[in-house]
Amino acid sequence: MRRLTVKVKAGEGEEIKKIAKEHEGKNLAVQSLKDGELVTVHLNNEAVSSFVERISAYEEAEIVLIPRGVIALYPPQGEAPDQVADVSFRSPLEIFLGGVQSVGSKKGLFIYSVAGGILVWVGLYTGTIYLLVAAMLVSPFAGPAMNAALAAAAGKMGLLRQSLLRYFMAIGTAIIVTYLLSLFVNQQHATPLMVSVSQISQMAVLLPLVAGVAGGVNLISSERDSLVPGAAVGVLVAASLAPPTGLIGMALNFGNWQLVRSGLFLLILQLAAIQLSAALVFRFMGKVTKEGARFADGKEYVFRLSMAASVLVVAGLLYWQFYSQPGLQKSSLSTQVTEVMHTALGELEDVETIEVNARFTRGTLPNLNPVICELYLYNRSATLTDAEVKKVVSNLLYKRIKAENLNADPMFNITVLDYQGNPATLP
């Protein structure tokens, strides 16, 4: 439940109390003041917006909403467990005003963006995964993302424009920081972790969609109903955005446009998908609409325009991703190639599979899309030499991989192990 206090002119307190009773308000009190009356109201979360809208006719009413859950107990005592089990969503009014309140200063946004950029650069440059996690904690991307979605749901063009400006300010700052750091150390080549980040999965769109839904649900849920802390949800949103920003800035320094392309694809896809899913959560679960109390000046076309733009961007990027292989699908295709090899090797009776792995290279060769296939095998055949096993395996796997039409050109590194585990090499 929420506690509200309403200060009105003398003689209007009982009227406010009556309206509160109509909204199933509990533990109501009217207190006389020198310059009016103060009404204390405890309401279910879902009733807050309609109550505020009802008393909006009292032009001089001064309303204080405490955005924290309270436990209101009232007779009969046997129903106390049911009385405190209010885990309904926050009111649209509280959701919207809470989002506006969390906008914060540009100075803080800039400082955290710089800190996040430094951390993501060190993580990508040194291959330190936990520093990428730290960058996700520090990077201030979740706030502007959720505010932009909230503004779209409420139809508030001004807030949407402001949130997007802060969005791109944070991302641009992180890109500039990573670019300057790479320039300072004279970085000329991509690190293995940069290559790994740049290789995109066919399911890449699921991460920002889930991040948007999780962020939206976290903001509309009451405190005791939100099982996941807000910081964890913020990390989920930043996980979609922090690594691509670092990738873009670092790759710009040494002119690797393939990595820049991957980073831009990820960044734009994440922004559009988060905006789409979070705005839908606010709109249809949180009931944040242009008719909500105290923000009725929102425009319906803003929501429709935002959703249409998000859908078009996501659809366009997915078409680009699946239009040609393996460019923006290398992560998933590497897994598919590995599965194909495992299946094919299972058909060879005299060859035991120890380990199989496939990975696309960072770049391409003229008319080739190399995928490095590393295999560790054990030869149980009494008639085939290790060299003959390598030839049989490579021929079989080449045909199977090509038959999948993945536009991949396999290059094999096959090691046959003996009993002692020492590589058997060709004469």
Protein backbone atom coordinates (compact mmCIF):
# COMPACT_ATOMS: atom_id res chain seq x y z
CA MET A 1 0.00 0.00 0.00
CA ARG A 2 0.96 3.66 -0.35
CA ARG A 3 0.58 6.51 2.10
CA LEU A 4 -0.61 9.88 0.80
CA THR A 5 -1.20 13.15 2.60
CA VAL A 6 -3.51 15.73 1.07
CA LYS A 7 -3.62 19.31 2.34
CA VAL A 8 -6.85 21.15 1.39
CA LYS A 9 -8.82 24.17 2.50
CA ALA A 10 -10.82 24.05 5.71
CA GLY A 11 -14.06 22.14 5.26
CA GLU A 12 -12.80 19.99 2.35
CA GLY A 13 -11.07 17.32 4.44
CA GLU A 14 -14.18 15.21 4.91
CA GLU A 15 -14.84 15.33 1.16
CA ILE A 16 -11.34 13.98 0.47
CA LYS A 17 -11.87 11.32 3.14
CA LYS A 18 -15.10 10.27 1.46
CA ILE A 19 -13.35 9.93 -1.92
CA ALA A 20 -10.63 7.86 -0.23
CA LYS A 21 -13.27 5.52 1.22
CA GLU A 22 -14.70 5.03 -2.28
CA HIS A 23 -11.21 3.87 -3.29
CA GLU A 24 -11.10 1.44 -0.34
CA GLY A 25 -8.68 3.63 1.60
CA LYS A 26 -7.70 2.45 5.06
CA ASN A 27 -6.66 4.15 8.31
CA LEU A 28 -7.97 7.54 7.19
CA ALA A 29 -7.47 10.64 9.30
CA VAL A 30 -8.34 14.33 9.01
CA GLN A 31 -6.21 16.80 10.94
CA SER A 32 -7.03 20.49 11.37
CA LEU A 33 -4.31 23.01 10.55
CA LYS A 34 -4.11 26.78 10.88
CA ASP A 35 -4.43 27.21 7.11
CA GLY A 36 -6.59 24.21 6.20
CA GLU A 37 -6.93 20.48 6.79
CA LEU A 38 -4.53 17.57 6.31
CA VAL A 39 -5.96 14.21 5.21
CA THR A 40 -3.87 11.03 5.65
CA VAL A 41 -4.80 8.17 3.31
CA HIS A 42 -3.52 4.61 2.84
CA LEU A 43 -4.42 3.12 -0.53
CA ASN A 44 -3.80 0.00 -2.57
CA ASN A 45 -1.09 0.66 -5.19
CA GLU A 46 -3.54 0.34 -8.07
CA ALA A 47 -5.95 2.91 -6.58
CA VAL A 48 -3.43 5.75 -6.26
CA SER A 49 -3.76 7.13 -9.79
CA SER A 50 -7.56 7.14 -9.86
CA PHE A 51 -7.68 8.74 -6.39
CA VAL A 52 -5.32 11.53 -7.41
CA GLU A 53 -7.33 12.06 -10.56
CA ARG A 54 -10.55 12.33 -8.56
CA ILE A 55 -9.18 15.01 -6.23
CA SER A 56 -7.58 16.97 -9.07
CA ALA A 57 -10.72 19.13 -9.04
CA TYR A 58 -9.47 20.60 -5.75
CA GLU A 59 -7.08 23.03 -7.37
CA GLU A 60 -5.32 24.10 -4.17
CA ALA A 61 -4.81 20.54 -2.93
CA GLU A 62 -1.20 19.77 -1.94
CA ILE A 63 -0.44 16.08 -2.36
CA VAL A 64 2.51 14.17 -0.92
CA LEU A 65 3.01 10.59 -2.17
CA ILE A 66 5.56 8.52 -0.28
CA PRO A 67 6.90 6.04 -2.89
CA ARG A 68 7.53 3.24 -0.41
CA GLY A 69 5.37 0.38 0.69
CA VAL A 70 3.54 0.62 3.98
CA ILE A 71 1.69 -2.03 5.99
CA ALA A 72 -1.78 -0.91 7.05
CA LEU A 73 -3.47 -3.10 9.66
CA TYR A 74 -7.16 -2.80 10.50
CA PRO A 75 -9.93 -5.00 11.97
CA PRO A 76 -10.62 -7.85 11.87
CA GLN A 77 -7.24 -8.97 13.19
CA GLY A 78 -7.63 -12.47 11.71
CA GLU A 79 -7.29 -11.00 8.21
CA ALA A 80 -3.91 -9.38 8.91
CA PRO A 81 -1.96 -11.77 6.62
CA ASP A 82 -4.23 -10.88 3.71
CA GLN A 83 -4.05 -7.18 4.51
CA VAL A 84 -0.26 -7.03 4.20
CA ALA A 85 -0.09 -9.19 1.05
CA ASP A 86 -0.47 -6.24 -1.33
CA VAL A 87 1.97 -7.03 -4.13
CA SER A 88 0.06 -5.30 -6.90
CA PHE A 89 1.92 -3.20 -9.45
CA ARG A 90 2.77 0.40 -8.72
CA SER A 91 0.26 2.98 -9.87
CA PRO A 92 0.85 4.54 -13.33
CA LEU A 93 1.29 7.90 -11.61
CA GLU A 94 4.10 6.60 -9.39
CA ILE A 95 5.78 4.73 -12.24
CA PHE A 96 5.84 7.81 -14.44
CA LEU A 97 6.87 10.33 -11.79
CA GLY A 98 9.50 7.93 -10.46
CA GLY A 99 11.00 7.71 -13.92
CA VAL A 100 11.07 11.48 -14.31
CA GLN A 101 12.63 11.86 -10.86
CA SER A 102 15.44 9.44 -11.75
CA VAL A 103 16.66 11.47 -14.72
CA GLY A 104 19.50 12.97 -12.68
CA SER A 105 22.23 15.39 -13.72
CA LYS A 106 24.25 15.30 -16.90
CA LYS A 107 27.43 15.69 -14.87
CA GLY A 108 26.84 12.39 -13.06
CA LEU A 109 25.88 10.71 -16.32
CA PHE A 110 29.11 11.91 -17.93
CA ILE A 111 31.30 10.78 -15.03
CA TYR A 112 29.79 7.30 -14.90
CA SER A 113 30.02 7.01 -18.70
CA VAL A 114 33.73 7.81 -18.55
CA ALA A 115 34.25 5.29 -15.74
CA GLY A 116 32.31 2.61 -17.62
CA GLY A 117 34.26 3.34 -20.80
CA ILE A 118 37.59 2.94 -19.00
CA LEU A 119 36.53 -0.35 -17.45
CA VAL A 120 35.19 -1.82 -20.69
CA TRP A 121 38.39 -0.77 -22.50
CA VAL A 122 40.65 -2.42 -19.91
CA GLY A 123 38.47 -5.52 -19.99
CA LEU A 124 38.54 -5.84 -23.77
CA TYR A 125 42.22 -4.90 -24.07
CA THR A 126 43.45 -7.33 -21.42
CA GLY A 127 40.82 -10.03 -21.95
CA THR A 128 39.59 -9.71 -18.36
CA ILE A 129 35.97 -10.80 -18.18
CA TYR A 130 35.25 -9.55 -14.68
CA LEU A 131 36.16 -6.01 -15.74
CA LEU A 132 33.46 -6.20 -18.39
CA VAL A 133 31.03 -7.14 -15.62
CA ALA A 134 32.28 -4.15 -13.60
CA ALA A 135 31.71 -1.92 -16.62
CA MET A 136 28.14 -3.19 -16.85
CA LEU A 137 27.60 -2.22 -13.20
CA VAL A 138 28.98 1.29 -13.67
CA SER A 139 27.73 2.20 -17.15
CA PRO A 140 24.64 4.47 -16.83
CA PHE A 141 22.68 3.03 -19.74
CA ALA A 142 19.72 1.49 -17.91
CA GLY A 143 18.25 4.78 -16.65
CA PRO A 144 17.97 6.57 -20.01
CA ALA A 145 16.78 3.33 -21.64
CA MET A 146 13.90 2.89 -19.21
CA ASN A 147 13.01 6.60 -19.26
CA ALA A 148 12.84 6.57 -23.05
CA ALA A 149 10.49 3.59 -22.98
CA LEU A 150 8.43 5.21 -20.23
CA ALA A 151 8.14 8.43 -22.22
CA ALA A 152 7.01 6.49 -25.29
CA ALA A 153 4.33 4.65 -23.31
CA ALA A 154 3.00 7.91 -21.86
CA GLY A 155 3.20 9.73 -25.19
CA LYS A 156 5.52 12.43 -23.81
CA MET A 157 7.62 13.65 -26.72
CA GLY A 158 9.65 16.07 -24.60
CA LEU A 159 10.72 13.39 -22.13
CA LEU A 160 11.38 10.94 -24.97
CA ARG A 161 13.64 13.44 -26.70
CA GLN A 162 15.46 14.23 -23.47
CA SER A 163 15.94 10.55 -22.61
CA LEU A 164 17.28 9.70 -26.06
CA LEU A 165 19.67 12.64 -25.85
CA ARG A 166 21.01 11.31 -22.55
CA TYR A 167 21.12 7.82 -24.07
CA PHE A 168 23.39 8.86 -26.91
CA MET A 169 25.41 11.16 -24.67
CA ALA A 170 26.30 8.21 -22.42
CA ILE A 171 27.06 5.89 -25.33
CA GLY A 172 29.01 8.53 -27.27
CA THR A 173 31.13 9.33 -24.21
CA ALA A 174 32.02 5.67 -23.71
CA ILE A 175 32.96 5.30 -27.40
CA ILE A 176 35.19 8.40 -27.30
CA VAL A 177 36.90 7.22 -24.10
CA THR A 178 37.70 3.78 -25.53
CA TYR A 179 38.90 5.34 -28.79
CA LEU A 180 41.27 7.71 -27.00
CA LEU A 181 42.67 4.97 -24.76
CA SER A 182 43.37 2.73 -27.76
CA LEU A 183 44.99 5.67 -29.53
CA PHE A 184 47.15 6.40 -26.48
CA VAL A 185 48.57 2.86 -26.31
CA ASN A 186 48.84 2.68 -30.11
CA GLN A 187 46.65 -0.42 -30.39
CA GLN A 188 46.82 -1.80 -33.93
CA HIS A 189 45.04 -5.15 -33.72
CA ALA A 190 41.93 -6.64 -32.17
CA THR A 191 42.26 -8.66 -28.99
CA PRO A 192 40.72 -12.16 -28.74
CA LEU A 193 37.96 -10.84 -26.47
CA MET A 194 37.12 -8.09 -28.99
CA VAL A 195 36.80 -10.74 -31.69
CA SER A 196 34.60 -12.81 -29.42
CA VAL A 197 32.31 -9.84 -28.70
CA SER A 198 32.08 -9.02 -32.40
CA GLN A 199 30.85 -12.50 -33.35
CA ILE A 200 27.08 -12.25 -33.21
CA SER A 201 24.58 -14.97 -32.50
CA GLN A 202 21.45 -15.54 -34.54
CA MET A 203 19.60 -15.15 -31.24
CA ALA A 204 21.17 -11.76 -30.46
CA VAL A 205 17.79 -10.03 -30.50
CA LEU A 206 16.59 -12.05 -27.49
CA LEU A 207 18.99 -10.39 -25.02
CA PRO A 208 17.70 -6.80 -25.45
CA LEU A 209 14.08 -7.98 -25.60
CA VAL A 210 14.53 -9.79 -22.29
CA ALA A 211 16.45 -6.82 -20.84
CA GLY A 212 13.62 -4.46 -21.76
CA VAL A 213 10.96 -6.73 -20.24
CA ALA A 214 13.00 -7.27 -17.06
CA GLY A 215 13.68 -3.56 -16.66
CA GLY A 216 10.05 -2.65 -17.19
CA VAL A 217 8.70 -5.30 -14.80
CA ASN A 218 11.23 -4.25 -12.15
CA LEU A 219 10.04 -0.63 -12.28
CA ILE A 220 6.32 -1.36 -12.19
CA SER A 221 6.50 -3.97 -9.41
CA SER A 222 6.07 -3.08 -5.76
CA GLU A 223 9.13 -3.43 -3.54
CA ARG A 224 8.16 -6.76 -1.97
CA ASP A 225 7.02 -8.20 -5.27
CA SER A 226 10.28 -7.42 -7.08
CA LEU A 227 12.36 -10.54 -6.46
CA VAL A 228 15.30 -9.23 -8.51
CA PRO A 229 17.17 -6.12 -7.28
CA GLY A 230 17.22 -3.09 -9.55
CA ALA A 231 21.01 -3.19 -9.83
CA ALA A 232 20.85 -6.68 -11.35
CA VAL A 233 18.33 -5.50 -13.93
CA GLY A 234 20.55 -2.52 -14.70
CA VAL A 235 23.45 -4.88 -15.35
CA LEU A 236 21.25 -6.87 -17.73
CA VAL A 237 20.47 -3.72 -19.73
CA ALA A 238 24.11 -2.59 -19.68
CA ALA A 239 25.20 -6.08 -20.75
CA SER A 240 23.46 -5.38 -24.04
CA LEU A 241 25.17 -2.02 -24.55
CA ALA A 242 28.55 -1.75 -22.77
CA PRO A 243 30.64 -4.27 -24.80
CA PRO A 244 29.51 -2.95 -28.24
CA THR A 245 30.39 0.64 -27.27
CA GLY A 246 33.89 -0.42 -26.29
CA LEU A 247 34.24 -2.50 -29.44
CA ILE A 248 33.28 0.43 -31.67
CA GLY A 249 35.66 2.90 -30.02
CA MET A 250 38.65 0.55 -30.04
CA ALA A 251 38.07 -0.68 -33.60
CA LEU A 252 37.73 2.89 -34.89
CA ASN A 253 41.27 3.59 -33.70
CA PHE A 254 42.91 1.01 -35.97
CA GLY A 255 40.31 1.14 -38.73
CA ASN A 256 38.83 -2.35 -38.52
CA TRP A 257 35.49 -1.63 -40.14
CA GLN A 258 34.29 -5.20 -39.82
CA LEU A 259 34.43 -4.90 -36.03
CA VAL A 260 32.87 -1.44 -36.18
CA ARG A 261 30.04 -2.85 -38.27
CA SER A 262 29.42 -5.62 -35.76
CA GLY A 263 29.46 -3.14 -32.87
CA LEU A 264 27.05 -0.75 -34.58
CA PHE A 265 24.72 -3.60 -35.47
CA LEU A 266 24.65 -4.79 -31.86
CA LEU A 267 24.26 -1.29 -30.45
CA ILE A 268 21.37 -0.25 -32.68
CA LEU A 269 19.64 -3.62 -32.30
CA GLN A 270 19.87 -3.40 -28.51
CA LEU A 271 18.55 0.16 -28.39
CA ALA A 272 15.53 -0.56 -30.59
CA ALA A 273 14.65 -3.90 -28.99
CA ILE A 274 14.92 -2.57 -25.41
CA GLN A 275 12.76 0.41 -26.34
CA LEU A 276 10.17 -1.86 -27.95
CA SER A 277 9.79 -4.43 -25.18
CA ALA A 278 10.07 -2.03 -22.22
CA ALA A 279 7.52 0.42 -23.66
CA LEU A 280 5.04 -2.42 -24.19
CA VAL A 281 5.50 -3.55 -20.58
CA PHE A 282 4.89 -0.02 -19.27
CA ARG A 283 1.89 0.42 -21.55
CA PHE A 284 0.01 -2.83 -21.04
CA MET A 285 1.21 -4.06 -17.63
CA GLY A 286 1.95 -0.78 -15.88
CA LYS A 287 -1.04 0.99 -17.50
CA VAL A 288 1.14 4.03 -18.24
CA THR A 289 -0.87 5.82 -20.92
CA LYS A 290 -1.56 9.38 -21.99
CA GLU A 291 -4.74 9.31 -19.89
CA GLY A 292 -2.79 8.74 -16.67
CA ALA A 293 -3.27 11.25 -13.88
CA ARG A 294 -1.12 14.36 -14.02
CA PHE A 295 0.37 13.55 -17.42
CA ALA A 296 -2.76 13.64 -19.56
CA ASP A 297 -1.08 15.89 -22.10
CA GLY A 298 0.73 12.95 -23.67
CA LYS A 299 0.09 12.25 -27.34
CA GLU A 300 -1.03 8.86 -28.61
CA TYR A 301 0.87 9.32 -31.86
CA VAL A 302 4.16 9.47 -29.90
CA PHE A 303 3.62 5.92 -28.63
CA ARG A 304 2.56 4.63 -32.03
CA LEU A 305 5.44 6.38 -33.79
CA SER A 306 7.98 5.06 -31.28
CA MET A 307 6.69 1.49 -31.60
CA ALA A 308 6.60 1.65 -35.39
CA ALA A 309 10.16 3.00 -35.55
CA SER A 310 11.41 0.32 -33.12
CA VAL A 311 9.72 -2.49 -35.06
CA LEU A 312 11.07 -1.23 -38.38
CA VAL A 313 14.61 -0.91 -37.04
CA VAL A 314 14.58 -4.38 -35.44
CA ALA A 315 13.05 -5.96 -38.55
CA GLY A 316 15.53 -4.19 -40.83
CA LEU A 317 18.51 -5.28 -38.76
CA LEU A 318 17.30 -8.88 -38.58
CA TYR A 319 16.85 -8.90 -42.36
CA TRP A 320 20.40 -7.58 -42.73
CA GLN A 321 21.67 -10.21 -40.28
CA PHE A 322 20.05 -13.17 -42.02
CA TYR A 323 20.41 -11.89 -45.57
CA SER A 324 23.98 -13.12 -45.90
CA GLN A 325 26.15 -15.59 -44.04
CA PRO A 326 28.30 -15.74 -42.04
CA GLY A 327 28.88 -11.98 -41.47
CA LEU A 328 26.55 -11.24 -38.54
CA GLN A 329 25.89 -14.84 -37.46
CA LYS A 330 29.36 -16.20 -36.77
CA SER A 331 28.74 -17.14 -33.15
CA SER A 332 25.75 -19.35 -33.98
CA LEU A 333 27.29 -20.74 -37.15
CA SER A 334 30.40 -21.81 -35.24
CA THR A 335 28.16 -23.87 -32.98
CA GLN A 336 26.36 -25.36 -35.99
CA VAL A 337 29.65 -26.32 -37.64
CA THR A 338 30.77 -28.00 -34.39
CA GLU A 339 27.52 -29.97 -34.23
CA VAL A 340 27.91 -31.08 -37.87
CA MET A 341 31.42 -32.35 -37.14
CA HIS A 342 30.31 -34.23 -34.03
CA THR A 343 27.52 -35.93 -35.98
CA ALA A 344 29.79 -36.88 -38.88
CA LEU A 345 32.56 -38.21 -36.63
CA GLY A 346 30.06 -40.42 -34.85
CA GLU A 347 29.71 -42.39 -38.07
CA LEU A 348 33.41 -43.39 -38.10
CA GLU A 349 33.80 -46.57 -36.06
CA ASP A 350 37.59 -46.55 -35.76
CA VAL A 351 37.95 -42.90 -34.79
CA GLU A 352 37.30 -41.69 -31.23
CA THR A 353 36.51 -38.00 -30.80
CA ILE A 354 38.42 -36.36 -27.95
CA GLU A 355 37.60 -32.69 -28.61
CA VAL A 356 36.10 -30.71 -31.49
CA ASN A 357 35.84 -26.96 -31.88
CA ALA A 358 35.06 -24.52 -34.69
CA ARG A 359 35.53 -20.76 -34.86
CA PHE A 360 35.36 -18.18 -37.60
CA THR A 361 38.36 -15.97 -38.10
CA ARG A 362 38.24 -12.22 -37.47
CA GLY A 363 38.42 -11.35 -41.13
CA THR A 364 37.93 -12.99 -44.49
CA LEU A 365 40.21 -14.05 -47.32
CA PRO A 366 39.48 -13.28 -50.99
CA ASN A 367 36.31 -15.24 -51.86
CA LEU A 368 36.62 -17.25 -48.63
CA ASN A 369 34.99 -17.22 -45.20
CA PRO A 370 37.46 -19.30 -43.18
CA VAL A 371 36.22 -21.34 -40.24
CA ILE A 372 39.04 -22.98 -38.27
CA CYS A 373 38.11 -26.54 -37.30
CA GLU A 374 40.28 -27.95 -34.52
CA LEU A 375 39.98 -31.66 -33.83
CA TYR A 376 41.68 -33.98 -31.35
CA LEU A 377 41.12 -37.64 -32.28
CA TYR A 378 42.22 -41.12 -31.28
CA ASN A 379 42.90 -43.68 -34.00
CA ARG A 380 41.64 -47.19 -33.14
CA SER A 381 42.03 -48.52 -36.68
CA ALA A 382 44.48 -51.37 -37.24
CA THR A 383 44.71 -50.65 -40.98
CA LEU A 384 44.70 -46.84 -41.27
CA THR A 385 47.69 -44.75 -40.38
CA ASP A 386 47.27 -41.44 -38.56
CA ALA A 387 47.89 -39.56 -41.79
CA GLU A 388 45.20 -41.57 -43.57
CA VAL A 389 42.77 -40.92 -40.71
CA LYS A 390 43.39 -37.18 -41.05
CA LYS A 391 42.68 -37.34 -44.78
CA VAL A 392 39.49 -39.38 -44.36
CA VAL A 393 38.19 -37.10 -41.60
CA SER A 394 38.99 -33.86 -43.40
CA ASN A 395 37.33 -35.05 -46.64
CA LEU A 396 34.21 -36.22 -44.81
CA LEU A 397 33.86 -33.06 -42.72
CA TYR A 398 34.48 -30.76 -45.67
CA LYS A 399 31.61 -32.35 -47.61
CA ARG A 400 29.25 -32.31 -44.61
CA ILE A 401 29.95 -28.66 -43.74
CA LYS A 402 29.56 -27.53 -47.35
CA ALA A 403 26.29 -29.44 -47.61
CA GLU A 404 24.85 -27.22 -44.84
CA ASN A 405 25.07 -24.14 -47.10
CA LEU A 406 26.55 -22.00 -44.35
CA ASN A 407 28.82 -20.07 -46.74
CA ALA A 408 31.73 -21.26 -44.62
CA ASP A 409 35.07 -22.52 -45.87
CA PRO A 410 36.46 -25.07 -43.36
CA MET A 411 40.18 -25.24 -42.67
CA PHE A 412 41.23 -28.21 -40.55
CA ASN A 413 43.78 -28.58 -37.80
CA ILE A 414 43.60 -32.27 -36.90
CA THR A 415 45.69 -33.83 -34.17
CA VAL A 416 45.72 -37.62 -33.66
CA LEU A 417 46.78 -38.62 -30.15
CA ASP A 418 48.57 -41.82 -29.20
CA TYR A 419 48.31 -43.77 -25.92
CA GLN A 420 50.68 -41.42 -24.10
CA GLY A 421 48.72 -38.39 -25.23
CA ASN A 422 51.52 -37.15 -27.44
CA PRO A 423 50.53 -35.73 -30.82
CA ALA A 424 51.26 -38.10 -33.69
CA THR A 425 52.73 -35.99 -36.46
CA LEU A 426 53.04 -36.62 -40.14
CA PRO A 427 56.40 -37.95 -41.38
